[in-house]
Amino acid sequence: MHLEIVTPEKSLYSGEVELVQLPGKDGSFEILKNHASIVSTLVKGMIKLKPVGGDEIFFEVNGGVVECKKNMISVLADK
């Protein structure tokens, strides 16, 4: 899956990942390969991602929006 995390100021992450865990309005949720299409709002919390073949990376956000479609994940985050 390809993940893009951007803020109004800059790009925080761009690359291939195995999983993404996000702080959703109704609780934390994960996106894995071949996830159904989804658009969701995010609340203040941590984004956890696991790059392909790498160690987990964490980003703290103050909210935002995520869209997942055809293994392309876009996160527009408030930092």
N, C-alpha and C. Protein backbone atom coordinates (compact mmCIF):
# COMPACT_ATOMS: atom_id res chain seq x y z
N MET A 1 0.84 -1.17 0.00
CA MET A 1 0.00 0.00 0.00
C MET A 1 0.89 1.23 0.00
N HIS A 2 0.43 2.27 -0.63
CA HIS A 2 1.18 3.52 -0.65
C HIS A 2 0.50 4.52 0.29
N LEU A 3 1.29 5.15 1.16
CA LEU A 3 0.78 6.10 2.14
C LEU A 3 1.40 7.47 1.93
N GLU A 4 0.55 8.47 1.99
CA GLU A 4 0.99 9.87 1.97
C GLU A 4 0.40 10.55 3.20
N ILE A 5 1.25 11.16 4.02
CA ILE A 5 0.78 11.97 5.15
C ILE A 5 1.27 13.38 4.92
N VAL A 6 0.34 14.33 4.80
CA VAL A 6 0.71 15.72 4.56
C VAL A 6 -0.01 16.63 5.55
N THR A 7 0.65 17.75 5.85
CA THR A 7 0.06 18.81 6.65
C THR A 7 -0.02 20.04 5.75
N PRO A 8 -0.66 21.11 6.19
CA PRO A 8 -0.65 22.32 5.36
C PRO A 8 0.76 22.86 5.09
N GLU A 9 1.70 22.53 5.99
CA GLU A 9 3.06 23.05 5.85
C GLU A 9 4.00 22.17 5.04
N LYS A 10 3.85 20.82 5.19
CA LYS A 10 4.84 19.95 4.55
C LYS A 10 4.34 18.51 4.45
N SER A 11 5.11 17.71 3.74
CA SER A 11 4.85 16.28 3.66
C SER A 11 5.59 15.60 4.81
N LEU A 12 4.87 14.78 5.61
CA LEU A 12 5.49 14.09 6.72
C LEU A 12 6.00 12.71 6.33
N TYR A 13 5.29 12.05 5.40
CA TYR A 13 5.68 10.69 5.03
C TYR A 13 5.13 10.36 3.65
N SER A 14 5.93 9.63 2.88
CA SER A 14 5.49 9.11 1.59
C SER A 14 6.23 7.81 1.35
N GLY A 15 5.48 6.71 1.21
CA GLY A 15 6.14 5.43 0.97
C GLY A 15 5.21 4.25 1.10
N GLU A 16 5.78 3.07 0.91
CA GLU A 16 5.03 1.82 0.98
C GLU A 16 4.96 1.33 2.43
N VAL A 17 3.78 0.91 2.86
CA VAL A 17 3.58 0.46 4.23
C VAL A 17 2.82 -0.87 4.26
N GLU A 18 3.00 -1.59 5.37
CA GLU A 18 2.27 -2.83 5.60
C GLU A 18 0.97 -2.57 6.35
N LEU A 19 0.98 -1.56 7.24
CA LEU A 19 -0.23 -1.21 7.99
C LEU A 19 -0.15 0.22 8.46
N VAL A 20 -1.33 0.81 8.70
CA VAL A 20 -1.44 2.15 9.26
C VAL A 20 -2.51 2.09 10.34
N GLN A 21 -2.20 2.60 11.52
CA GLN A 21 -3.18 2.70 12.60
C GLN A 21 -3.46 4.18 12.82
N LEU A 22 -4.76 4.54 12.85
CA LEU A 22 -5.16 5.94 12.89
C LEU A 22 -6.12 6.22 14.04
N PRO A 23 -6.08 7.46 14.59
CA PRO A 23 -6.99 7.83 15.67
C PRO A 23 -8.31 8.36 15.11
N GLY A 24 -9.28 7.48 14.89
CA GLY A 24 -10.57 7.89 14.33
C GLY A 24 -11.48 8.51 15.37
N LYS A 25 -12.49 9.21 14.90
CA LYS A 25 -13.46 9.87 15.78
C LYS A 25 -14.13 8.87 16.74
N ASP A 26 -14.42 7.67 16.26
CA ASP A 26 -15.08 6.65 17.07
C ASP A 26 -14.10 5.62 17.63
N GLY A 27 -12.82 5.91 17.60
CA GLY A 27 -11.80 5.01 18.13
C GLY A 27 -10.72 4.71 17.11
N SER A 28 -9.65 4.13 17.58
CA SER A 28 -8.51 3.80 16.73
C SER A 28 -8.88 2.68 15.76
N PHE A 29 -8.36 2.76 14.53
CA PHE A 29 -8.59 1.70 13.54
C PHE A 29 -7.36 1.52 12.67
N GLU A 30 -7.25 0.33 12.06
CA GLU A 30 -6.11 0.01 11.20
C GLU A 30 -6.58 -0.16 9.76
N ILE A 31 -5.68 0.17 8.86
CA ILE A 31 -5.87 -0.09 7.44
C ILE A 31 -4.77 -1.05 7.00
N LEU A 32 -5.18 -2.15 6.43
CA LEU A 32 -4.26 -3.16 5.90
C LEU A 32 -4.47 -3.27 4.40
N LYS A 33 -3.62 -4.05 3.73
CA LYS A 33 -3.71 -4.23 2.28
C LYS A 33 -5.11 -4.69 1.88
N ASN A 34 -5.61 -4.14 0.78
CA ASN A 34 -6.92 -4.46 0.20
C ASN A 34 -8.08 -4.07 1.10
N HIS A 35 -7.88 -3.07 1.93
CA HIS A 35 -8.96 -2.55 2.78
C HIS A 35 -10.05 -1.95 1.89
N ALA A 36 -11.29 -2.04 2.33
CA ALA A 36 -12.39 -1.41 1.60
C ALA A 36 -12.16 0.10 1.55
N SER A 37 -12.69 0.74 0.53
CA SER A 37 -12.58 2.20 0.43
C SER A 37 -13.20 2.85 1.66
N ILE A 38 -12.54 3.89 2.15
CA ILE A 38 -13.01 4.56 3.37
C ILE A 38 -12.57 6.01 3.35
N VAL A 39 -13.43 6.86 3.92
CA VAL A 39 -13.07 8.25 4.22
C VAL A 39 -13.50 8.46 5.66
N SER A 40 -12.60 9.00 6.50
CA SER A 40 -12.90 9.17 7.92
C SER A 40 -12.21 10.41 8.46
N THR A 41 -12.83 11.01 9.47
CA THR A 41 -12.18 12.11 10.17
C THR A 41 -11.28 11.54 11.25
N LEU A 42 -10.25 12.28 11.57
CA LEU A 42 -9.30 11.88 12.60
C LEU A 42 -9.37 12.87 13.75
N VAL A 43 -9.04 12.39 14.95
CA VAL A 43 -8.98 13.24 16.14
C VAL A 43 -7.53 13.30 16.61
N LYS A 44 -7.30 14.08 17.66
CA LYS A 44 -5.96 14.19 18.22
C LYS A 44 -5.49 12.81 18.68
N GLY A 45 -4.28 12.45 18.30
CA GLY A 45 -3.72 11.16 18.69
C GLY A 45 -2.49 10.82 17.88
N MET A 46 -2.15 9.53 17.88
CA MET A 46 -0.95 9.05 17.20
C MET A 46 -1.31 8.25 15.95
N ILE A 47 -0.59 8.51 14.88
CA ILE A 47 -0.63 7.65 13.70
C ILE A 47 0.55 6.71 13.81
N LYS A 48 0.28 5.42 13.71
CA LYS A 48 1.35 4.42 13.72
C LYS A 48 1.38 3.78 12.35
N LEU A 49 2.58 3.68 11.78
CA LEU A 49 2.70 3.00 10.50
C LEU A 49 3.88 2.06 10.53
N LYS A 50 3.78 1.03 9.72
CA LYS A 50 4.87 0.05 9.59
C LYS A 50 5.30 0.02 8.14
N PRO A 51 6.44 0.64 7.83
CA PRO A 51 6.95 0.58 6.46
C PRO A 51 7.28 -0.85 6.07
N VAL A 52 7.20 -1.14 4.79
CA VAL A 52 7.56 -2.48 4.30
C VAL A 52 9.02 -2.74 4.67
N GLY A 53 9.25 -3.80 5.45
CA GLY A 53 10.60 -4.18 5.84
C GLY A 53 11.26 -3.26 6.84
N GLY A 54 10.48 -2.39 7.51
CA GLY A 54 11.09 -1.45 8.44
C GLY A 54 10.45 -1.48 9.81
N ASP A 55 10.94 -0.61 10.69
CA ASP A 55 10.42 -0.49 12.05
C ASP A 55 9.25 0.49 12.07
N GLU A 56 8.40 0.34 13.10
CA GLU A 56 7.25 1.21 13.25
C GLU A 56 7.67 2.67 13.39
N ILE A 57 6.85 3.56 12.84
CA ILE A 57 7.06 5.01 12.92
C ILE A 57 5.79 5.63 13.47
N PHE A 58 5.93 6.65 14.32
CA PHE A 58 4.78 7.30 14.93
C PHE A 58 4.77 8.78 14.60
N PHE A 59 3.57 9.34 14.36
CA PHE A 59 3.38 10.76 14.14
C PHE A 59 2.22 11.21 15.03
N GLU A 60 2.40 12.30 15.77
CA GLU A 60 1.32 12.85 16.56
C GLU A 60 0.58 13.88 15.72
N VAL A 61 -0.75 13.79 15.70
CA VAL A 61 -1.58 14.73 14.94
C VAL A 61 -2.66 15.30 15.83
N ASN A 62 -3.19 16.45 15.43
CA ASN A 62 -4.27 17.11 16.17
C ASN A 62 -5.61 16.91 15.50
N GLY A 63 -5.67 16.04 14.51
CA GLY A 63 -6.91 15.79 13.77
C GLY A 63 -6.59 15.72 12.29
N GLY A 64 -7.65 15.58 11.49
CA GLY A 64 -7.46 15.54 10.05
C GLY A 64 -8.47 14.63 9.38
N VAL A 65 -8.11 14.19 8.18
CA VAL A 65 -8.97 13.35 7.35
C VAL A 65 -8.11 12.29 6.69
N VAL A 66 -8.66 11.07 6.55
CA VAL A 66 -7.96 10.00 5.84
C VAL A 66 -8.88 9.47 4.74
N GLU A 67 -8.28 9.15 3.61
CA GLU A 67 -9.00 8.48 2.52
C GLU A 67 -8.17 7.29 2.07
N CYS A 68 -8.82 6.13 1.93
CA CYS A 68 -8.17 4.93 1.43
C CYS A 68 -8.98 4.42 0.26
N LYS A 69 -8.29 4.21 -0.86
CA LYS A 69 -8.95 3.73 -2.07
C LYS A 69 -7.92 2.99 -2.90
N LYS A 70 -8.20 1.73 -3.21
CA LYS A 70 -7.34 0.90 -4.06
C LYS A 70 -5.88 0.90 -3.57
N ASN A 71 -5.71 0.63 -2.27
CA ASN A 71 -4.39 0.55 -1.64
C ASN A 71 -3.58 1.84 -1.71
N MET A 72 -4.27 2.97 -1.89
CA MET A 72 -3.64 4.29 -1.81
C MET A 72 -4.27 5.01 -0.62
N ILE A 73 -3.44 5.37 0.36
CA ILE A 73 -3.94 6.01 1.57
C ILE A 73 -3.41 7.44 1.62
N SER A 74 -4.33 8.39 1.76
CA SER A 74 -3.96 9.80 1.87
C SER A 74 -4.45 10.33 3.21
N VAL A 75 -3.53 10.91 3.97
CA VAL A 75 -3.87 11.51 5.25
C VAL A 75 -3.57 13.01 5.16
N LEU A 76 -4.60 13.82 5.39
CA LEU A 76 -4.43 15.26 5.48
C LEU A 76 -4.51 15.59 6.97
N ALA A 77 -3.39 15.89 7.59
CA ALA A 77 -3.31 16.00 9.04
C ALA A 77 -3.10 17.43 9.51
N ASP A 78 -3.68 17.72 10.68
CA ASP A 78 -3.39 18.95 11.40
C ASP A 78 -2.28 18.62 12.36
N LYS A 79 -1.18 19.35 12.29
CA LYS A 79 -0.02 19.02 13.14
C LYS A 79 0.04 19.91 14.32
